[in-house]
């Protein structure tokens, strides 16, 4: 039987194992911070100052990290240091690890001391209108200690920010190629699209896509996304592709530009219903069916969601069911 150290209830061997584990864990985390700091500052001296360590100690830690991975992680030059290709790969993983550890600390603190925590969600315009109000109200009534941060996020930037850990989840359409093996996407509901123009546009009473062959268009969001008129099917009807004369990264810019431009744009129907009539925009009553947009809830496939994030995901899924049920009642004669 192992003898136990008096007063601690732990054997000398157990104490040594625990101490060694803590030392290695602390050292590894410090190494990750070291690599991220080098990437940010590009200087050993500046990194040492930022981490409150001596430059020799930092150099030693970097050498240990390179020995562990068996390759050079930084490239030194008279101008400073930069990450080598292997260092860039490790830094990308390190950033995710550090964020996850910070989130774990935040979640534990929330449970143990009832501190506030934050869930960050990227939302597309249609998702913001259809799902966010009801889901957030339902969630915050049960989780008042959690702050929800909503941010505009269209693909592919939404997926990039998910992978980097900036977002906990994203609500919106996916690229044509899908989410990717490292992300998990669940379809929630469809959002209808409409073509809009200012109330004086010469094609405002058009009924067919063929009548819009000479129109100017505004592209909102990424190419081949829901706001791209190329998705309307002009070429399938033997028509020339639409002429895009302006590209907007956000719907707020679109709202500012469209009322004074002789151009057309594709927007979610709910977006039109709420915003467009107030600023003199009309929807074209086009006979050809316009492609709907599928709103997905996307998270990282690796790593569990925090408990507040899980509950917020549940709230969005429940709100989608509420919206679908309301749509079904509206469609019933």
Protein backbone atom coordinates (compact mmCIF):
# COMPACT_ATOMS: atom_id res chain seq x y z
CA UNK A 1 0.00 0.00 0.00
CA UNK A 2 1.27 3.50 -0.83
CA UNK A 3 1.93 5.61 2.21
CA UNK A 4 0.04 8.90 2.36
CA UNK A 5 1.51 12.26 3.23
CA UNK A 6 0.17 13.43 6.59
CA UNK A 7 -2.50 16.10 6.31
CA UNK A 8 -2.98 15.88 2.56
CA UNK A 9 -4.59 12.49 2.05
CA UNK A 10 -2.44 11.99 -1.07
CA UNK A 11 0.51 9.66 -1.60
CA UNK A 12 3.94 11.07 -2.58
CA UNK A 13 3.58 9.35 -5.96
CA UNK A 14 0.13 10.86 -6.47
CA UNK A 15 1.45 14.29 -5.47
CA UNK A 16 4.29 13.99 -7.98
CA UNK A 17 1.95 12.91 -10.76
CA UNK A 18 -0.46 15.75 -10.03
CA UNK A 19 2.35 18.28 -9.83
CA UNK A 20 3.91 17.06 -13.06
CA UNK A 21 0.58 17.11 -14.85
CA UNK A 22 -0.09 20.67 -13.74
CA UNK A 23 3.39 21.77 -14.80
CA UNK A 24 3.08 20.20 -18.26
CA UNK A 25 -0.43 21.55 -18.78
CA UNK A 26 0.58 25.07 -17.75
CA UNK A 27 3.67 24.88 -19.93
CA UNK A 28 1.72 23.73 -22.99
CA UNK A 29 -0.82 26.50 -22.63
CA UNK A 30 1.96 29.04 -22.24
CA UNK A 31 3.53 27.69 -25.42
CA UNK A 32 0.31 28.27 -27.33
CA UNK A 33 0.12 31.84 -26.04
CA UNK A 34 3.77 32.27 -27.04
CA UNK A 35 3.14 31.22 -30.63
CA UNK A 36 0.08 33.47 -30.94
CA UNK A 37 1.97 36.40 -29.46
CA UNK A 38 4.87 35.91 -31.89
CA UNK A 39 2.41 35.87 -34.79
CA UNK A 40 0.86 39.11 -33.55
CA UNK A 41 4.04 41.07 -32.73
CA UNK A 42 6.60 39.64 -35.18
CA UNK A 43 9.31 40.19 -32.57
CA UNK A 44 10.90 38.10 -29.83
CA UNK A 45 11.55 41.20 -27.71
CA UNK A 46 8.01 42.54 -28.07
CA UNK A 47 6.57 39.10 -27.36
CA UNK A 48 8.67 38.76 -24.21
CA UNK A 49 7.43 42.15 -23.00
CA UNK A 50 3.81 41.30 -23.82
CA UNK A 51 4.05 38.02 -21.88
CA UNK A 52 6.08 39.53 -18.99
CA UNK A 53 8.96 37.08 -19.40
CA UNK A 54 12.63 37.51 -20.27
CA UNK A 55 13.72 37.09 -23.86
CA UNK A 56 16.03 34.15 -23.02
CA UNK A 57 13.14 32.37 -21.29
CA UNK A 58 10.93 32.95 -24.29
CA UNK A 59 13.62 31.68 -26.66
CA UNK A 60 14.03 28.56 -24.53
CA UNK A 61 10.29 27.90 -24.53
CA UNK A 62 10.17 28.33 -28.30
CA UNK A 63 13.03 25.86 -28.70
CA UNK A 64 11.19 23.34 -26.51
CA UNK A 65 8.07 23.74 -28.65
CA UNK A 66 10.02 23.24 -31.88
CA UNK A 67 11.75 20.17 -30.45
CA UNK A 68 8.41 18.71 -29.45
CA UNK A 69 7.01 19.10 -32.97
CA UNK A 70 10.28 18.24 -34.65
CA UNK A 71 10.30 21.22 -37.02
CA UNK A 72 10.97 24.95 -37.18
CA UNK A 73 7.92 26.98 -36.23
CA UNK A 74 9.31 30.47 -36.86
CA UNK A 75 11.60 32.06 -39.43
CA UNK A 76 14.11 34.60 -38.08
CA UNK A 77 15.36 37.56 -40.07
CA UNK A 78 16.99 40.94 -39.36
CA UNK A 79 13.50 42.45 -39.40
CA UNK A 80 12.16 40.12 -36.73
CA UNK A 81 10.38 36.78 -36.79
CA UNK A 82 7.44 35.35 -38.70
CA UNK A 83 5.70 32.03 -38.47
CA UNK A 84 6.95 29.24 -40.69
CA UNK A 85 4.30 27.19 -42.54
CA UNK A 86 4.25 24.64 -39.70
CA UNK A 87 3.96 27.47 -37.21
CA UNK A 88 0.96 28.90 -39.06
CA UNK A 89 -0.77 25.52 -38.94
CA UNK A 90 -0.11 25.20 -35.22
CA UNK A 91 -1.13 28.81 -34.53
CA UNK A 92 -4.51 28.23 -36.20
CA UNK A 93 -5.13 25.29 -33.87
CA UNK A 94 -3.71 27.19 -30.90
CA UNK A 95 -6.14 30.07 -31.41
CA UNK A 96 -9.07 27.66 -31.25
CA UNK A 97 -7.69 25.90 -28.17
CA UNK A 98 -7.11 29.16 -26.31
CA UNK A 99 -10.62 30.36 -27.15
CA UNK A 100 -12.13 27.06 -25.97
CA UNK A 101 -10.21 27.26 -22.68
CA UNK A 102 -11.38 30.84 -22.18
CA UNK A 103 -14.95 29.73 -22.84
CA UNK A 104 -14.61 26.84 -20.43
CA UNK A 105 -13.43 29.21 -17.71
CA UNK A 106 -16.30 31.57 -18.50
CA UNK A 107 -18.86 28.78 -18.30
CA UNK A 108 -17.48 27.38 -15.04
CA UNK A 109 -17.44 30.89 -13.58
CA UNK A 110 -21.05 31.37 -14.64
CA UNK A 111 -22.13 28.20 -12.85
CA UNK A 112 -20.01 28.66 -9.74
CA UNK A 113 -20.34 32.42 -9.21
CA UNK A 114 -23.31 33.21 -11.41
CA UNK A 115 -21.13 35.45 -13.58
CA UNK A 116 -22.32 36.58 -16.97
CA UNK A 117 -21.34 34.69 -20.10
CA UNK A 118 -21.81 35.46 -23.79
CA UNK A 119 -23.01 33.43 -26.78
CA UNK A 120 -22.11 34.90 -30.17
CA UNK A 121 -24.35 34.16 -33.14
CA UNK A 122 -23.89 35.17 -36.77
CA UNK A 123 -27.23 35.81 -38.49
CA UNK A 124 -28.30 36.47 -42.05
CA UNK A 125 -31.02 39.11 -42.66
CA UNK A 126 -33.74 36.50 -43.20
CA UNK A 127 -32.72 34.59 -40.07
CA UNK A 128 -32.67 37.80 -38.06
CA UNK A 129 -36.24 38.59 -39.09
CA UNK A 130 -37.77 35.11 -38.94
CA UNK A 131 -36.04 33.44 -36.01
CA UNK A 132 -34.06 35.82 -33.82
CA UNK A 133 -36.82 37.85 -32.07
CA UNK A 134 -38.87 34.90 -30.79
CA UNK A 135 -35.89 32.66 -30.03
CA UNK A 136 -33.95 35.33 -28.13
CA UNK A 137 -37.01 36.34 -26.08
CA UNK A 138 -37.69 32.70 -25.17
CA UNK A 139 -34.03 32.05 -24.30
CA UNK A 140 -33.46 35.15 -22.17
CA UNK A 141 -36.59 34.53 -20.13
CA UNK A 142 -34.95 31.31 -18.93
CA UNK A 143 -31.28 32.35 -19.04
CA UNK A 144 -31.18 35.97 -17.83
CA UNK A 145 -27.49 35.72 -16.93
CA UNK A 146 -26.42 35.04 -20.52
CA UNK A 147 -25.69 37.82 -22.99
CA UNK A 148 -26.46 37.02 -26.62
CA UNK A 149 -24.32 38.85 -29.17
CA UNK A 150 -25.83 38.94 -32.68
CA UNK A 151 -23.64 39.91 -35.62
CA UNK A 152 -24.20 40.14 -39.37
CA UNK A 153 -22.70 37.07 -40.99
CA UNK A 154 -23.19 35.93 -44.58
CA UNK A 155 -21.29 33.01 -46.04
CA UNK A 156 -18.46 32.39 -46.64
CA UNK A 157 -17.43 34.72 -43.82
CA UNK A 158 -19.87 33.08 -41.42
CA UNK A 159 -18.21 29.69 -41.91
CA UNK A 160 -14.74 31.21 -41.59
CA UNK A 161 -15.67 32.87 -38.31
CA UNK A 162 -17.18 29.63 -37.02
CA UNK A 163 -13.97 27.76 -37.75
CA UNK A 164 -11.85 30.40 -36.03
CA UNK A 165 -14.07 30.31 -32.94
CA UNK A 166 -15.35 33.88 -33.27
CA UNK A 167 -18.91 32.56 -33.57
CA UNK A 168 -20.61 29.89 -31.49
CA UNK A 169 -23.18 29.27 -34.21
CA UNK A 170 -24.45 30.78 -37.44
CA UNK A 171 -27.96 31.11 -38.89
CA UNK A 172 -28.32 31.54 -42.62
CA UNK A 173 -27.85 29.96 -46.04
CA UNK A 174 -24.94 27.70 -46.98
CA UNK A 175 -22.62 27.79 -49.99
CA UNK A 176 -23.54 25.51 -52.87
CA UNK A 177 -20.74 23.12 -51.86
CA UNK A 178 -22.24 22.71 -48.38
CA UNK A 179 -20.89 23.38 -44.92
CA UNK A 180 -17.77 21.21 -45.05
CA UNK A 181 -16.80 18.18 -42.99
CA UNK A 182 -15.66 20.29 -40.04
CA UNK A 183 -19.03 22.00 -39.59
CA UNK A 184 -22.44 20.62 -38.69
CA UNK A 185 -25.43 22.24 -40.44
CA UNK A 186 -29.11 21.62 -39.66
CA UNK A 187 -31.79 23.01 -42.02
CA UNK A 188 -34.46 24.95 -40.11
CA UNK A 189 -36.80 26.52 -42.66
CA UNK A 190 -37.08 28.15 -46.09
CA UNK A 191 -37.24 31.86 -46.80
CA UNK A 192 -38.98 33.16 -49.94
CA UNK A 193 -37.29 35.74 -52.15
CA UNK A 194 -38.74 38.68 -54.08
CA UNK A 195 -37.39 41.11 -56.69
CA UNK A 196 -37.68 44.72 -55.54
CA UNK A 197 -37.33 48.12 -57.19
CA UNK A 198 -38.11 51.71 -56.35
CA UNK A 199 -41.69 52.75 -57.04
CA UNK A 200 -40.73 54.68 -60.21
CA UNK A 201 -38.71 51.93 -61.88
CA UNK A 202 -39.79 51.37 -65.51
CA UNK A 203 -40.02 47.58 -64.97
CA UNK A 204 -41.95 47.79 -61.70
CA UNK A 205 -45.00 46.13 -63.32
CA UNK A 206 -43.05 43.37 -65.07
CA UNK A 207 -44.54 39.90 -64.89
CA UNK A 208 -41.83 37.79 -66.52
CA UNK A 209 -38.06 37.51 -66.23
CA UNK A 210 -37.82 38.13 -69.98
CA UNK A 211 -39.00 41.70 -69.37
CA UNK A 212 -35.96 42.29 -67.13
CA UNK A 213 -33.27 41.31 -69.63
CA UNK A 214 -31.96 44.89 -69.95
CA UNK A 215 -32.34 45.86 -66.28
CA UNK A 216 -29.49 46.82 -64.00
CA UNK A 217 -29.08 44.80 -60.82
CA UNK A 218 -27.61 45.12 -57.35
CA UNK A 219 -25.78 42.10 -55.95
CA UNK A 220 -26.21 41.78 -52.17
CA UNK A 221 -23.82 39.49 -50.31
CA UNK A 222 -21.60 36.89 -52.00
CA UNK A 223 -21.78 35.81 -55.62
CA UNK A 224 -24.04 32.79 -56.14
CA UNK A 225 -25.68 33.62 -52.82
CA UNK A 226 -29.39 34.38 -52.26
CA UNK A 227 -28.87 38.04 -53.22
CA UNK A 228 -27.25 37.23 -56.57
CA UNK A 229 -29.67 37.70 -59.51
CA UNK A 230 -27.72 35.02 -61.39
CA UNK A 231 -29.66 32.49 -59.28
CA UNK A 232 -33.01 33.55 -60.77
CA UNK A 233 -32.65 31.30 -63.80
CA UNK A 234 -32.20 33.77 -66.67
CA UNK A 235 -29.95 31.44 -68.62
CA UNK A 236 -32.30 28.46 -68.11
CA UNK A 237 -34.95 30.53 -69.89
CA UNK A 238 -32.58 31.32 -72.77
CA UNK A 239 -31.95 34.86 -71.54
CA UNK A 240 -28.69 36.74 -71.17
CA UNK A 241 -27.24 36.79 -67.63
CA UNK A 242 -28.29 39.78 -65.51
CA UNK A 243 -26.12 42.90 -65.56
CA UNK A 244 -24.79 43.66 -62.05
CA UNK A 245 -23.75 47.30 -61.69
CA UNK A 246 -23.41 47.53 -57.89
CA UNK A 247 -22.31 45.09 -55.19
CA UNK A 248 -23.31 45.55 -51.53
CA UNK A 249 -21.86 43.68 -48.58
CA UNK A 250 -24.87 44.35 -46.36
CA UNK A 251 -28.59 44.92 -46.55
CA UNK A 252 -28.25 48.23 -44.70
CA UNK A 253 -26.21 49.56 -47.62
CA UNK A 254 -28.81 48.16 -50.01
CA UNK A 255 -31.59 50.03 -48.20
CA UNK A 256 -29.61 53.24 -48.46
CA UNK A 257 -28.91 52.88 -52.19
CA UNK A 258 -31.91 51.19 -53.77
CA UNK A 259 -34.57 53.94 -53.33
CA UNK A 260 -32.56 56.36 -55.48
CA UNK A 261 -31.23 53.89 -58.06
CA UNK A 262 -32.84 52.56 -61.21
CA UNK A 263 -31.78 49.03 -60.34
CA UNK A 264 -33.37 45.80 -59.13
CA UNK A 265 -32.39 43.57 -56.21
CA UNK A 266 -33.31 40.19 -54.74
CA UNK A 267 -34.21 40.23 -51.04
CA UNK A 268 -35.98 37.93 -48.54
CA UNK A 269 -39.76 38.45 -48.59
CA UNK A 270 -39.87 39.20 -44.85
CA UNK A 271 -37.13 41.79 -45.32
CA UNK A 272 -39.27 43.47 -47.99
CA UNK A 273 -42.42 43.31 -45.87
CA UNK A 274 -40.81 45.08 -42.93
CA UNK A 275 -38.48 47.60 -44.57
CA UNK A 276 -39.23 48.19 -48.24
CA UNK A 277 -42.69 49.88 -48.23
CA UNK A 278 -41.44 52.49 -45.76
CA UNK A 279 -38.88 53.78 -48.27
CA UNK A 280 -40.89 53.55 -51.45
CA UNK A 281 -39.90 50.12 -52.75
CA UNK A 282 -42.22 47.69 -54.52
CA UNK A 283 -42.05 43.95 -55.20
CA UNK A 284 -42.31 42.74 -58.78
CA UNK A 285 -45.08 40.20 -59.33
CA UNK A 286 -43.00 37.77 -61.38
CA UNK A 287 -44.79 34.66 -62.69
CA UNK A 288 -41.74 32.40 -62.72
CA UNK A 289 -41.07 30.86 -59.29
CA UNK A 290 -38.04 32.33 -57.57
CA UNK A 291 -35.62 29.98 -55.76
CA UNK A 292 -36.15 29.94 -51.98
CA UNK A 293 -33.32 30.21 -49.47
CA UNK A 294 -32.84 27.48 -46.86
CA UNK A 295 -31.81 28.80 -43.46
CA UNK A 296 -29.42 26.46 -41.63
CA UNK A 297 -28.15 26.45 -38.07
CA UNK A 298 -24.42 25.71 -38.30
CA UNK A 299 -21.93 24.89 -35.55
CA UNK A 300 -18.45 23.40 -35.40
CA UNK A 301 -18.46 19.63 -35.66
CA UNK A 302 -15.57 19.26 -33.21
CA UNK A 303 -15.91 20.31 -29.60
CA UNK A 304 -19.12 20.49 -27.58
CA UNK A 305 -21.20 23.63 -27.29
CA UNK A 306 -21.34 25.28 -23.91
CA UNK A 307 -24.55 24.64 -22.02
CA UNK A 308 -25.93 28.16 -22.70
CA UNK A 309 -25.08 27.71 -26.39
CA UNK A 310 -26.93 24.39 -26.45
CA UNK A 311 -29.99 25.99 -24.93
CA UNK A 312 -29.88 28.86 -27.40
CA UNK A 313 -29.61 26.37 -30.26
CA UNK A 314 -32.68 24.62 -28.85
CA UNK A 315 -34.52 27.97 -28.77
CA UNK A 316 -33.75 28.64 -32.44
CA UNK A 317 -34.92 25.16 -33.41
CA UNK A 318 -38.13 25.60 -31.42
CA UNK A 319 -38.76 29.00 -33.02
CA UNK A 320 -38.30 27.45 -36.47
CA UNK A 321 -41.03 24.94 -35.64
CA UNK A 322 -43.29 27.79 -34.53
CA UNK A 323 -42.68 29.69 -37.79
CA UNK A 324 -43.29 26.57 -39.90
CA UNK A 325 -46.56 25.88 -38.08
CA UNK A 326 -47.71 29.48 -38.64
CA UNK A 327 -46.84 29.23 -42.33
CA UNK A 328 -48.80 25.99 -42.63
CA UNK A 329 -51.88 27.61 -41.05
CA UNK A 330 -51.57 30.58 -43.39
CA UNK A 331 -51.46 28.26 -46.42
CA UNK A 332 -54.51 26.29 -45.31
CA UNK A 333 -57.73 27.47 -47.07
